Amino acid sequence: MSESVIAHAAAGQPSPGQGDPCFGGEGDPRVGILVREHYAFVWRVLRRFGLSPSDADDAAQQVFMVLSRRVAEVVPTKERAYLFRIATFVAAKAHRSRRRRPETPTDDCSDREDTAPSADELLDRRRARELLDRVLSEMPHDLKAVIVLFELEGLTMSEIADALEVPPGTVASRLRRARAELVARVARARSHRSAGAIKP
């Protein structure tokens, strides 16, 4: 499948300490541990579900605020599945809120790139991320969820089944469909770009 697009795009993630909430003072000490271990995962999920970097920072903190109130419900070894469900809910709420408020100019410091790679490599990464983000935004939610969790986040079929609350067989079926759709959409996007007809 489109491994090069996924590999380049997977590089986008928060810088160390970027927007990292500091829970864990009072209450269950698991919260602080889960923040440290899974903040980057939650942030990337929020980005893949269409939030800007700054909105993903805010939304990630909301995710962990919810977690801090409901941490007793989290089953050990199934933390990422639980956080994924909260993150998709928070992302959907953020999109609804954005549609209700007027657009305002934002300084999208987007994906601050490491200065070490060459300019060409940075450009390739940015283009790959933009392409993948656009393609994912157009995919049905059920297919987008499995492709994000399996291909980009490396969750197992069992973990994805827990996260989506569906049988493993359903996950496997959706993943096959998602891969086929991703390949087709990436091919169409590249064809349009090469023909000079890039969609805005």
Protein backbone atom coordinates (compact mmCIF):
# COMPACT_ATOMS: atom_id res chain seq x y z
CA MET A 1 0.00 0.00 0.00
CA SER A 2 1.04 3.63 0.22
CA GLU A 3 3.83 2.96 2.73
CA SER A 4 5.85 6.01 1.72
CA VAL A 5 2.94 8.35 2.42
CA ILE A 6 2.29 6.74 5.81
CA ALA A 7 5.97 6.60 6.77
CA HIS A 8 6.56 10.27 6.00
CA ALA A 9 3.31 11.38 7.58
CA ALA A 10 3.84 9.45 10.79
CA ALA A 11 6.68 11.82 11.65
CA GLY A 12 4.22 14.56 12.69
CA GLN A 13 3.88 14.56 16.47
CA PRO A 14 4.21 17.01 19.34
CA SER A 15 7.65 18.12 20.40
CA PRO A 16 8.83 16.82 23.78
CA GLY A 17 6.90 18.73 26.43
CA GLN A 18 4.76 20.57 23.86
CA GLY A 19 1.43 21.23 25.58
CA ASP A 20 2.11 18.34 27.94
CA PRO A 21 -0.42 18.56 30.76
CA CYS A 22 0.87 17.90 34.27
CA PHE A 23 -1.74 15.78 35.97
CA GLY A 24 -0.97 13.53 38.85
CA GLY A 25 -0.69 15.85 41.82
CA GLU A 26 -3.73 14.69 43.77
CA GLY A 27 -5.87 11.66 43.07
CA ASP A 28 -4.97 8.45 41.34
CA PRO A 29 -1.24 8.34 40.48
CA ARG A 30 -2.11 6.32 37.35
CA VAL A 31 -3.28 9.52 35.68
CA GLY A 32 0.20 11.06 35.63
CA ILE A 33 1.69 7.81 34.36
CA LEU A 34 -0.89 7.54 31.59
CA VAL A 35 -0.28 11.16 30.54
CA ARG A 36 3.46 10.57 30.24
CA GLU A 37 3.06 7.28 28.40
CA HIS A 38 0.19 8.13 26.06
CA TYR A 39 0.07 11.90 25.52
CA ALA A 40 1.84 11.69 22.14
CA PHE A 41 -0.51 8.88 21.04
CA VAL A 42 -3.60 10.93 21.94
CA TRP A 43 -2.21 14.05 20.23
CA ARG A 44 -1.51 12.15 17.01
CA VAL A 45 -5.00 10.62 17.01
CA LEU A 46 -6.52 14.09 17.39
CA ARG A 47 -4.40 15.38 14.50
CA ARG A 48 -5.41 12.43 12.29
CA PHE A 49 -9.03 13.20 13.07
CA GLY A 50 -8.66 16.67 11.61
CA LEU A 51 -7.60 19.01 14.42
CA SER A 52 -4.88 21.61 13.91
CA PRO A 53 -1.73 21.32 16.07
CA SER A 54 -2.91 24.04 18.47
CA ASP A 55 -6.43 22.59 18.68
CA ALA A 56 -4.92 19.14 19.24
CA ASP A 57 -2.95 20.54 22.20
CA ASP A 58 -6.16 21.85 23.79
CA ALA A 59 -8.13 18.72 22.96
CA ALA A 60 -5.44 16.42 24.36
CA GLN A 61 -5.68 18.22 27.68
CA GLN A 62 -9.46 17.76 27.59
CA VAL A 63 -8.95 14.03 26.96
CA PHE A 64 -6.77 13.69 30.04
CA MET A 65 -9.11 15.81 32.13
CA VAL A 66 -11.87 13.31 31.30
CA LEU A 67 -9.46 10.49 32.10
CA SER A 68 -8.62 12.02 35.48
CA ARG A 69 -12.31 11.87 36.43
CA ARG A 70 -12.88 8.34 35.11
CA VAL A 71 -9.55 6.61 35.59
CA ALA A 72 -11.13 3.94 37.79
CA GLU A 73 -12.97 2.68 34.68
CA VAL A 74 -9.75 2.06 32.74
CA VAL A 75 -8.86 -1.61 32.49
CA PRO A 76 -5.09 -2.21 32.82
CA THR A 77 -3.49 -3.09 29.43
CA LYS A 78 -6.43 -1.44 27.62
CA GLU A 79 -5.48 2.17 28.29
CA ARG A 80 -4.92 3.14 24.63
CA ALA A 81 -8.29 1.73 23.61
CA TYR A 82 -9.99 3.79 26.33
CA LEU A 83 -8.07 6.95 25.44
CA PHE A 84 -8.86 6.49 21.75
CA ARG A 85 -12.59 6.46 22.45
CA ILE A 86 -12.32 9.65 24.52
CA ALA A 87 -10.12 11.30 21.87
CA THR A 88 -12.55 10.62 19.02
CA PHE A 89 -15.41 12.02 21.11
CA VAL A 90 -13.41 15.16 21.96
CA ALA A 91 -12.35 15.58 18.30
CA ALA A 92 -15.96 15.36 17.10
CA LYS A 93 -17.01 17.91 19.73
CA ALA A 94 -14.19 20.24 18.65
CA HIS A 95 -15.31 20.02 15.01
CA ARG A 96 -18.90 20.85 15.96
CA SER A 97 -17.69 23.82 18.01
CA ARG A 98 -15.52 25.06 15.14
CA ARG A 99 -18.45 24.94 12.71
CA ARG A 100 -20.48 27.11 15.07
CA ARG A 101 -17.83 29.81 15.51
CA PRO A 102 -16.54 32.22 12.84
CA GLU A 103 -13.21 31.45 11.25
CA THR A 104 -10.32 33.47 12.66
CA PRO A 105 -6.81 33.64 11.28
CA THR A 106 -4.42 31.38 13.14
CA ASP A 107 -0.69 31.14 13.17
CA ASP A 108 -0.27 27.48 12.27
CA CYS A 109 3.20 26.74 13.40
CA SER A 110 2.01 23.43 12.31
CA ASP A 111 4.52 20.77 12.32
CA ARG A 112 7.71 22.38 13.51
CA GLU A 113 10.31 20.41 11.67
CA ASP A 114 13.70 19.35 12.92
CA THR A 115 16.29 21.51 11.13
CA ALA A 116 18.57 18.51 10.63
CA PRO A 117 16.83 17.00 7.54
CA SER A 118 17.43 18.57 4.16
CA ALA A 119 14.99 21.05 2.67
CA ASP A 120 13.87 18.48 0.11
CA GLU A 121 13.19 15.90 2.82
CA LEU A 122 11.22 18.40 4.87
CA LEU A 123 9.16 19.29 1.81
CA ASP A 124 8.50 15.62 1.09
CA ARG A 125 7.39 15.09 4.68
CA ARG A 126 5.07 18.07 4.63
CA ARG A 127 3.52 17.03 1.33
CA ALA A 128 3.05 13.46 2.57
CA ARG A 129 1.38 14.66 5.77
CA GLU A 130 -0.88 17.05 3.87
CA LEU A 131 -1.84 14.30 1.43
CA LEU A 132 -2.54 11.77 4.15
CA ASP A 133 -4.48 14.26 6.26
CA ARG A 134 -6.62 15.19 3.25
CA VAL A 135 -7.24 11.57 2.30
CA LEU A 136 -8.08 10.58 5.88
CA SER A 137 -10.46 13.53 6.27
CA GLU A 138 -12.45 12.22 3.30
CA MET A 139 -12.66 8.60 4.46
CA PRO A 140 -15.62 7.20 6.41
CA HIS A 141 -15.05 7.31 10.17
CA ASP A 142 -15.06 3.52 10.65
CA LEU A 143 -12.38 3.00 7.98
CA LYS A 144 -10.30 5.97 9.11
CA ALA A 145 -10.25 4.67 12.68
CA VAL A 146 -8.79 1.27 11.79
CA ILE A 147 -6.17 2.64 9.37
CA VAL A 148 -5.01 5.23 11.93
CA LEU A 149 -4.80 2.73 14.77
CA PHE A 150 -3.21 -0.12 12.84
CA GLU A 151 -0.94 1.55 10.27
CA LEU A 152 0.01 4.75 12.09
CA GLU A 153 -0.20 3.82 15.77
CA GLY A 154 0.73 0.14 15.60
CA LEU A 155 -2.12 -1.21 17.72
CA THR A 156 -2.88 -4.92 17.49
CA MET A 157 -6.15 -6.25 16.09
CA SER A 158 -7.23 -7.08 19.64
CA GLU A 159 -6.48 -3.55 20.89
CA ILE A 160 -8.37 -2.03 17.96
CA ALA A 161 -11.34 -4.30 18.62
CA ASP A 162 -11.37 -3.04 22.22
CA ALA A 163 -11.01 0.59 21.14
CA LEU A 164 -13.85 0.41 18.62
CA GLU A 165 -15.91 -2.09 20.62
CA VAL A 166 -16.35 -4.42 17.65
CA PRO A 167 -15.35 -8.08 17.04
CA PRO A 168 -11.80 -8.75 15.74
CA GLY A 169 -13.27 -10.12 12.50
CA THR A 170 -14.95 -6.76 11.88
CA VAL A 171 -11.62 -5.01 12.46
CA ALA A 172 -9.90 -7.25 9.89
CA SER A 173 -12.67 -6.64 7.34
CA ARG A 174 -12.59 -2.86 7.86
CA LEU A 175 -8.81 -2.83 7.63
CA ARG A 176 -8.88 -4.56 4.23
CA ARG A 177 -11.46 -2.06 2.98
CA ALA A 178 -9.57 0.88 4.51
CA ARG A 179 -6.29 -0.12 2.85
CA ALA A 180 -7.96 -0.47 -0.53
CA GLU A 181 -9.70 2.88 -0.16
CA LEU A 182 -6.53 4.61 1.03
CA VAL A 183 -4.55 3.30 -1.95
CA ALA A 184 -7.28 4.39 -4.37
CA ARG A 185 -7.64 7.86 -2.85
CA VAL A 186 -3.88 8.47 -2.72
CA ALA A 187 -3.56 7.38 -6.35
CA ARG A 188 -6.37 9.72 -7.42
CA ALA A 189 -4.88 12.62 -5.45
CA ARG A 190 -1.45 12.08 -6.99
CA SER A 191 -2.97 11.79 -10.44
CA HIS A 192 -4.82 15.08 -9.99
CA ARG A 193 -1.68 16.75 -8.68
CA SER A 194 0.42 15.57 -11.59
CA ALA A 195 -2.27 16.86 -13.95
CA GLY A 196 -2.19 20.25 -12.23
CA ALA A 197 -5.66 19.84 -10.74
CA ILE A 198 -4.96 19.69 -7.01
CA LYS A 199 -8.05 19.92 -4.86
CA PRO A 200 -7.88 22.84 -2.39
